[in-house]
Amino acid sequence: MNYNKIRSFCRVFRIILGLGLIAAGFFTGIIWFYLGVIPLIAGIANFCPLCIITQKCDLPESSGSKNESN
């Protein structure tokens, strides 16, 4: 599985989602849409809390760091 493709897709998706939610909040006046700042910052910083929790789109670790405890 190519983790770099998943990671780059997730980053772009989070930025677009964040901008979309902020725009919806701006046009509708509903303050809750301004929570789009969270995925926007996560996309810009290339950090995803959901990826850390699920470990589905993390980059593979180097083989040396996994076997240090053995």
PDB file of N, CA and C in Angstrom:
ATOM      1  N   MET A   1       0.842  -1.174   0.000  1.00  0.00           N
ATOM      2  CA  MET A   1       0.000   0.000   0.000  1.00  0.00           C
ATOM      3  C   MET A   1       0.889   1.240   0.000  1.00  0.00           C
ATOM      4  N   ASN A   2       0.567   2.198  -0.834  1.00  0.00           N
ATOM      5  CA  ASN A   2       1.361   3.411  -0.941  1.00  0.00           C
ATOM      6  C   ASN A   2       0.819   4.452   0.038  1.00  0.00           C
ATOM      7  N   TYR A   3       1.493   4.593   1.178  1.00  0.00           N
ATOM      8  CA  TYR A   3       1.035   5.490   2.232  1.00  0.00           C
ATOM      9  C   TYR A   3       1.166   6.953   1.835  1.00  0.00           C
ATOM     10  N   ASN A   4       2.121   7.276   0.978  1.00  0.00           N
ATOM     11  CA  ASN A   4       2.310   8.674   0.584  1.00  0.00           C
ATOM     12  C   ASN A   4       1.111   9.197  -0.190  1.00  0.00           C
ATOM     13  N   LYS A   5       0.510   8.364  -1.046  1.00  0.00           N
ATOM     14  CA  LYS A   5      -0.675   8.785  -1.792  1.00  0.00           C
ATOM     15  C   LYS A   5      -1.851   9.023  -0.852  1.00  0.00           C
ATOM     16  N   ILE A   6      -2.041   8.150   0.113  1.00  0.00           N
ATOM     17  CA  ILE A   6      -3.130   8.312   1.077  1.00  0.00           C
ATOM     18  C   ILE A   6      -2.908   9.585   1.880  1.00  0.00           C
ATOM     19  N   ARG A   7      -1.712   9.787   2.331  1.00  0.00           N
ATOM     20  CA  ARG A   7      -1.388  10.945   3.161  1.00  0.00           C
ATOM     21  C   ARG A   7      -1.598  12.241   2.386  1.00  0.00           C
ATOM     22  N   SER A   8      -1.165  12.311   1.130  1.00  0.00           N
ATOM     23  CA  SER A   8      -1.323  13.540   0.353  1.00  0.00           C
ATOM     24  C   SER A   8      -2.787  13.788   0.024  1.00  0.00           C
ATOM     25  N   PHE A   9      -3.561  12.725  -0.248  1.00  0.00           N
ATOM     26  CA  PHE A   9      -4.990  12.879  -0.501  1.00  0.00           C
ATOM     27  C   PHE A   9      -5.704  13.383   0.749  1.00  0.00           C
ATOM     28  N   CYS A  10      -5.374  12.838   1.902  1.00  0.00           N
ATOM     29  CA  CYS A  10      -6.000  13.256   3.159  1.00  0.00           C
ATOM     30  C   CYS A  10      -5.695  14.715   3.455  1.00  0.00           C
ATOM     31  N   ARG A  11      -4.489  15.135   3.174  1.00  0.00           N
ATOM     32  CA  ARG A  11      -4.108  16.521   3.447  1.00  0.00           C
ATOM     33  C   ARG A  11      -4.926  17.484   2.588  1.00  0.00           C
ATOM     34  N   VAL A  12      -5.026  17.217   1.305  1.00  0.00           N
ATOM     35  CA  VAL A  12      -5.804  18.064   0.404  1.00  0.00           C
ATOM     36  C   VAL A  12      -7.281  18.040   0.805  1.00  0.00           C
ATOM     37  N   PHE A  13      -7.795  16.868   1.146  1.00  0.00           N
ATOM     38  CA  PHE A  13      -9.188  16.735   1.547  1.00  0.00           C
ATOM     39  C   PHE A  13      -9.477  17.556   2.800  1.00  0.00           C
ATOM     40  N   ARG A  14      -8.584  17.534   3.788  1.00  0.00           N
ATOM     41  CA  ARG A  14      -8.794  18.300   5.021  1.00  0.00           C
ATOM     42  C   ARG A  14      -8.780  19.801   4.749  1.00  0.00           C
ATOM     43  N   ILE A  15      -7.899  20.257   3.876  1.00  0.00           N
ATOM     44  CA  ILE A  15      -7.844  21.685   3.553  1.00  0.00           C
ATOM     45  C   ILE A  15      -9.124  22.123   2.852  1.00  0.00           C
ATOM     46  N   ILE A  16      -9.578  21.348   1.872  1.00  0.00           N
ATOM     47  CA  ILE A  16     -10.804  21.685   1.146  1.00  0.00           C
ATOM     48  C   ILE A  16     -12.011  21.629   2.075  1.00  0.00           C
ATOM     49  N   LEU A  17     -12.075  20.615   2.921  1.00  0.00           N
ATOM     50  CA  LEU A  17     -13.175  20.497   3.873  1.00  0.00           C
ATOM     51  C   LEU A  17     -13.201  21.687   4.829  1.00  0.00           C
ATOM     52  N   GLY A  18     -12.051  22.064   5.348  1.00  0.00           N
ATOM     53  CA  GLY A  18     -11.972  23.199   6.258  1.00  0.00           C
ATOM     54  C   GLY A  18     -12.418  24.491   5.603  1.00  0.00           C
ATOM     55  N   LEU A  19     -11.943  24.752   4.396  1.00  0.00           N
ATOM     56  CA  LEU A  19     -12.333  25.963   3.681  1.00  0.00           C
ATOM     57  C   LEU A  19     -13.822  25.953   3.356  1.00  0.00           C
ATOM     58  N   GLY A  20     -14.343  24.784   2.995  1.00  0.00           N
ATOM     59  CA  GLY A  20     -15.774  24.671   2.697  1.00  0.00           C
ATOM     60  C   GLY A  20     -16.637  24.946   3.915  1.00  0.00           C
ATOM     61  N   LEU A  21     -16.247  24.404   5.052  1.00  0.00           N
ATOM     62  CA  LEU A  21     -17.018  24.630   6.274  1.00  0.00           C
ATOM     63  C   LEU A  21     -16.963  26.097   6.705  1.00  0.00           C
ATOM     64  N   ILE A  22     -15.806  26.718   6.599  1.00  0.00           N
ATOM     65  CA  ILE A  22     -15.674  28.125   6.954  1.00  0.00           C
ATOM     66  C   ILE A  22     -16.524  28.985   6.014  1.00  0.00           C
ATOM     67  N   ALA A  23     -16.505  28.683   4.725  1.00  0.00           N
ATOM     68  CA  ALA A  23     -17.315  29.429   3.759  1.00  0.00           C
ATOM     69  C   ALA A  23     -18.803  29.250   4.058  1.00  0.00           C
ATOM     70  N   ALA A  24     -19.218  28.033   4.409  1.00  0.00           N
ATOM     71  CA  ALA A  24     -20.620  27.796   4.748  1.00  0.00           C
ATOM     72  C   ALA A  24     -21.013  28.603   5.983  1.00  0.00           C
ATOM     73  N   GLY A  25     -20.134  28.682   6.958  1.00  0.00           N
ATOM     74  CA  GLY A  25     -20.406  29.483   8.149  1.00  0.00           C
ATOM     75  C   GLY A  25     -20.477  30.959   7.837  1.00  0.00           C
ATOM     76  N   PHE A  26     -19.648  31.403   6.926  1.00  0.00           N
ATOM     77  CA  PHE A  26     -19.646  32.816   6.557  1.00  0.00           C
ATOM     78  C   PHE A  26     -20.947  33.193   5.854  1.00  0.00           C
ATOM     79  N   PHE A  27     -21.400  32.338   4.936  1.00  0.00           N
ATOM     80  CA  PHE A  27     -22.588  32.668   4.154  1.00  0.00           C
ATOM     81  C   PHE A  27     -23.896  32.403   4.896  1.00  0.00           C
ATOM     82  N   THR A  28     -23.921  31.409   5.779  1.00  0.00           N
ATOM     83  CA  THR A  28     -25.155  31.097   6.499  1.00  0.00           C
ATOM     84  C   THR A  28     -25.258  31.806   7.835  1.00  0.00           C
ATOM     85  N   GLY A  29     -24.151  32.215   8.400  1.00  0.00           N
ATOM     86  CA  GLY A  29     -24.163  32.867   9.696  1.00  0.00           C
ATOM     87  C   GLY A  29     -24.198  31.894  10.868  1.00  0.00           C
ATOM     88  N   ILE A  30     -24.124  30.601  10.592  1.00  0.00           N
ATOM     89  CA  ILE A  30     -24.124  29.589  11.648  1.00  0.00           C
ATOM     90  C   ILE A  30     -22.691  29.441  12.165  1.00  0.00           C
ATOM     91  N   ILE A  31     -22.519  29.745  13.426  1.00  0.00           N
ATOM     92  CA  ILE A  31     -21.175  29.778  14.013  1.00  0.00           C
ATOM     93  C   ILE A  31     -20.521  28.398  14.037  1.00  0.00           C
ATOM     94  N   TRP A  32     -21.287  27.341  14.134  1.00  0.00           N
ATOM     95  CA  TRP A  32     -20.726  25.989  14.220  1.00  0.00           C
ATOM     96  C   TRP A  32     -19.875  25.624  13.004  1.00  0.00           C
ATOM     97  N   PHE A  33     -20.169  26.209  11.863  1.00  0.00           N
ATOM     98  CA  PHE A  33     -19.378  25.905  10.667  1.00  0.00           C
ATOM     99  C   PHE A  33     -17.953  26.432  10.774  1.00  0.00           C
ATOM    100  N   TYR A  34     -17.712  27.380  11.680  1.00  0.00           N
ATOM    101  CA  TYR A  34     -16.364  27.897  11.845  1.00  0.00           C
ATOM    102  C   TYR A  34     -15.435  26.875  12.493  1.00  0.00           C
ATOM    103  N   LEU A  35     -15.979  25.756  12.929  1.00  0.00           N
ATOM    104  CA  LEU A  35     -15.121  24.661  13.391  1.00  0.00           C
ATOM    105  C   LEU A  35     -14.322  24.049  12.235  1.00  0.00           C
ATOM    106  N   GLY A  36     -14.588  24.502  11.023  1.00  0.00           N
ATOM    107  CA  GLY A  36     -13.795  24.104   9.866  1.00  0.00           C
ATOM    108  C   GLY A  36     -12.349  24.528   9.982  1.00  0.00           C
ATOM    109  N   VAL A  37     -12.057  25.391  10.946  1.00  0.00           N
ATOM    110  CA  VAL A  37     -10.675  25.801  11.199  1.00  0.00           C
ATOM    111  C   VAL A  37      -9.844  24.589  11.628  1.00  0.00           C
ATOM    112  N   ILE A  38     -10.467  23.647  12.322  1.00  0.00           N
ATOM    113  CA  ILE A  38      -9.735  22.468  12.818  1.00  0.00           C
ATOM    114  C   ILE A  38      -9.184  21.624  11.674  1.00  0.00           C
ATOM    115  N   PRO A  39     -10.035  21.179  10.703  1.00  0.00           N
ATOM    116  CA  PRO A  39      -9.434  20.412   9.600  1.00  0.00           C
ATOM    117  C   PRO A  39      -8.522  21.258   8.719  1.00  0.00           C
ATOM    118  N   LEU A  40      -8.784  22.570   8.639  1.00  0.00           N
ATOM    119  CA  LEU A  40      -7.907  23.428   7.839  1.00  0.00           C
ATOM    120  C   LEU A  40      -6.506  23.475   8.440  1.00  0.00           C
ATOM    121  N   ILE A  41      -6.416  23.690   9.739  1.00  0.00           N
ATOM    122  CA  ILE A  41      -5.105  23.714  10.394  1.00  0.00           C
ATOM    123  C   ILE A  41      -4.442  22.340  10.324  1.00  0.00           C
ATOM    124  N   ALA A  42      -5.242  21.280  10.497  1.00  0.00           N
ATOM    125  CA  ALA A  42      -4.691  19.926  10.418  1.00  0.00           C
ATOM    126  C   ALA A  42      -4.124  19.649   9.022  1.00  0.00           C
ATOM    127  N   GLY A  43      -4.794  20.139   7.992  1.00  0.00           N
ATOM    128  CA  GLY A  43      -4.305  19.946   6.630  1.00  0.00           C
ATOM    129  C   GLY A  43      -3.053  20.745   6.345  1.00  0.00           C
ATOM    130  N   ILE A  44      -3.031  21.988   6.815  1.00  0.00           N
ATOM    131  CA  ILE A  44      -1.857  22.829   6.588  1.00  0.00           C
ATOM    132  C   ILE A  44      -0.647  22.281   7.342  1.00  0.00           C
ATOM    133  N   ALA A  45      -0.872  21.820   8.575  1.00  0.00           N
ATOM    134  CA  ALA A  45       0.228  21.300   9.386  1.00  0.00           C
ATOM    135  C   ALA A  45       0.568  19.849   9.049  1.00  0.00           C
ATOM    136  N   ASN A  46      -0.228  19.222   8.164  1.00  0.00           N
ATOM    137  CA  ASN A  46      -0.048  17.815   7.793  1.00  0.00           C
ATOM    138  C   ASN A  46      -0.099  16.918   9.032  1.00  0.00           C
ATOM    139  N   PHE A  47      -1.079  17.179   9.875  1.00  0.00           N
ATOM    140  CA  PHE A  47      -1.289  16.428  11.106  1.00  0.00           C
ATOM    141  C   PHE A  47      -2.742  16.003  11.155  1.00  0.00           C
ATOM    142  N   CYS A  48      -2.986  14.745  11.407  1.00  0.00           N
ATOM    143  CA  CYS A  48      -4.353  14.247  11.457  1.00  0.00           C
ATOM    144  C   CYS A  48      -4.546  13.404  12.707  1.00  0.00           C
ATOM    145  N   PRO A  49      -5.314  13.898  13.669  1.00  0.00           N
ATOM    146  CA  PRO A  49      -5.554  13.107  14.876  1.00  0.00           C
ATOM    147  C   PRO A  49      -6.242  11.775  14.579  1.00  0.00           C
ATOM    148  N   LEU A  50      -7.124  11.760  13.584  1.00  0.00           N
ATOM    149  CA  LEU A  50      -7.821  10.522  13.231  1.00  0.00           C
ATOM    150  C   LEU A  50      -6.849   9.479  12.690  1.00  0.00           C
ATOM    151  N   CYS A  51      -5.851   9.913  11.934  1.00  0.00           N
ATOM    152  CA  CYS A  51      -4.844   8.973  11.426  1.00  0.00           C
ATOM    153  C   CYS A  51      -4.019   8.381  12.558  1.00  0.00           C
ATOM    154  N   ILE A  52      -3.768   9.164  13.597  1.00  0.00           N
ATOM    155  CA  ILE A  52      -3.011   8.658  14.737  1.00  0.00           C
ATOM    156  C   ILE A  52      -3.834   7.628  15.500  1.00  0.00           C
ATOM    157  N   ILE A  53      -5.128   7.902  15.670  1.00  0.00           N
ATOM    158  CA  ILE A  53      -5.993   6.990  16.411  1.00  0.00           C
ATOM    159  C   ILE A  53      -6.197   5.680  15.648  1.00  0.00           C
ATOM    160  N   THR A  54      -6.520   5.761  14.365  1.00  0.00           N
ATOM    161  CA  THR A  54      -6.815   4.560  13.579  1.00  0.00           C
ATOM    162  C   THR A  54      -5.563   3.890  13.033  1.00  0.00           C
ATOM    163  N   GLN A  55      -4.479   4.621  12.904  1.00  0.00           N
ATOM    164  CA  GLN A  55      -3.221   4.152  12.320  1.00  0.00           C
ATOM    165  C   GLN A  55      -3.419   3.579  10.927  1.00  0.00           C
ATOM    166  N   LYS A  56      -4.368   4.162  10.169  1.00  0.00           N
ATOM    167  CA  LYS A  56      -4.645   3.700   8.809  1.00  0.00           C
ATOM    168  C   LYS A  56      -3.796   4.427   7.774  1.00  0.00           C
ATOM    169  N   CYS A  57      -3.499   5.692   8.000  1.00  0.00           N
ATOM    170  CA  CYS A  57      -2.764   6.430   6.973  1.00  0.00           C
ATOM    171  C   CYS A  57      -1.444   6.974   7.487  1.00  0.00           C
ATOM    172  N   ASP A  58      -0.890   6.358   8.533  1.00  0.00           N
ATOM    173  CA  ASP A  58       0.424   6.761   9.007  1.00  0.00           C
ATOM    174  C   ASP A  58       1.490   6.287   8.034  1.00  0.00           C
ATOM    175  N   LEU A  59       2.546   7.046   7.968  1.00  0.00           N
ATOM    176  CA  LEU A  59       3.671   6.612   7.150  1.00  0.00           C
ATOM    177  C   LEU A  59       4.354   5.430   7.830  1.00  0.00           C
ATOM    178  N   PRO A  60       4.825   4.461   7.069  1.00  0.00           N
ATOM    179  CA  PRO A  60       5.474   3.312   7.698  1.00  0.00           C
ATOM    180  C   PRO A  60       6.744   3.731   8.427  1.00  0.00           C
ATOM    181  N   GLU A  61       6.968   3.137   9.593  1.00  0.00           N
ATOM    182  CA  GLU A  61       8.157   3.436  10.373  1.00  0.00           C
ATOM    183  C   GLU A  61       9.343   2.671   9.801  1.00  0.00           C
ATOM    184  N   SER A  62      10.534   3.157  10.109  1.00  0.00           N
ATOM    185  CA  SER A  62      11.712   2.432   9.651  1.00  0.00           C
ATOM    186  C   SER A  62      11.828   1.112  10.408  1.00  0.00           C
ATOM    187  N   SER A  63      12.390   0.126   9.797  1.00  0.00           N
ATOM    188  CA  SER A  63      12.441  -1.210  10.392  1.00  0.00           C
ATOM    189  C   SER A  63      13.299  -1.241  11.651  1.00  0.00           C
ATOM    190  N   GLY A  64      14.261  -0.337  11.781  1.00  0.00           N
ATOM    191  CA  GLY A  64      15.120  -0.301  12.948  1.00  0.00           C
ATOM    192  C   GLY A  64      14.404   0.164  14.199  1.00  0.00           C
ATOM    193  N   SER A  65      13.451   1.076  14.070  1.00  0.00           N
ATOM    194  CA  SER A  65      12.767   1.604  15.251  1.00  0.00           C
ATOM    195  C   SER A  65      11.730   0.632  15.798  1.00  0.00           C
ATOM    196  N   LYS A  66      11.204  -0.272  14.975  1.00  0.00           N
ATOM    197  CA  LYS A  66      10.210  -1.242  15.438  1.00  0.00           C
ATOM    198  C   LYS A  66      10.847  -2.367  16.247  1.00  0.00           C
ATOM    199  N   ASN A  67      12.047  -2.728  15.896  1.00  0.00           N
ATOM    200  CA  ASN A  67      12.672  -3.891  16.530  1.00  0.00           C
ATOM    201  C   ASN A  67      13.654  -3.531  17.629  1.00  0.00           C
ATOM    202  N   GLU A  68      13.633  -2.306  18.115  1.00  0.00           N
ATOM    203  CA  GLU A  68      14.575  -1.905  19.149  1.00  0.00           C
ATOM    204  C   GLU A  68      14.282  -2.587  20.472  1.00  0.00           C
ATOM    205  N   SER A  69      13.026  -2.934  20.776  1.00  0.00           N
ATOM    206  CA  SER A  69      12.681  -3.535  22.061  1.00  0.00           C
ATOM    207  C   SER A  69      13.048  -5.024  22.106  1.00  0.00           C
ATOM    208  N   ASN A  70      13.292  -5.643  20.961  1.00  0.00           N
ATOM    209  CA  ASN A  70      13.600  -7.086  20.934  1.00  0.00           C
ATOM    210  C   ASN A  70      15.030  -7.345  21.198  1.00  0.00           C
TER     211      ASN A  70
END
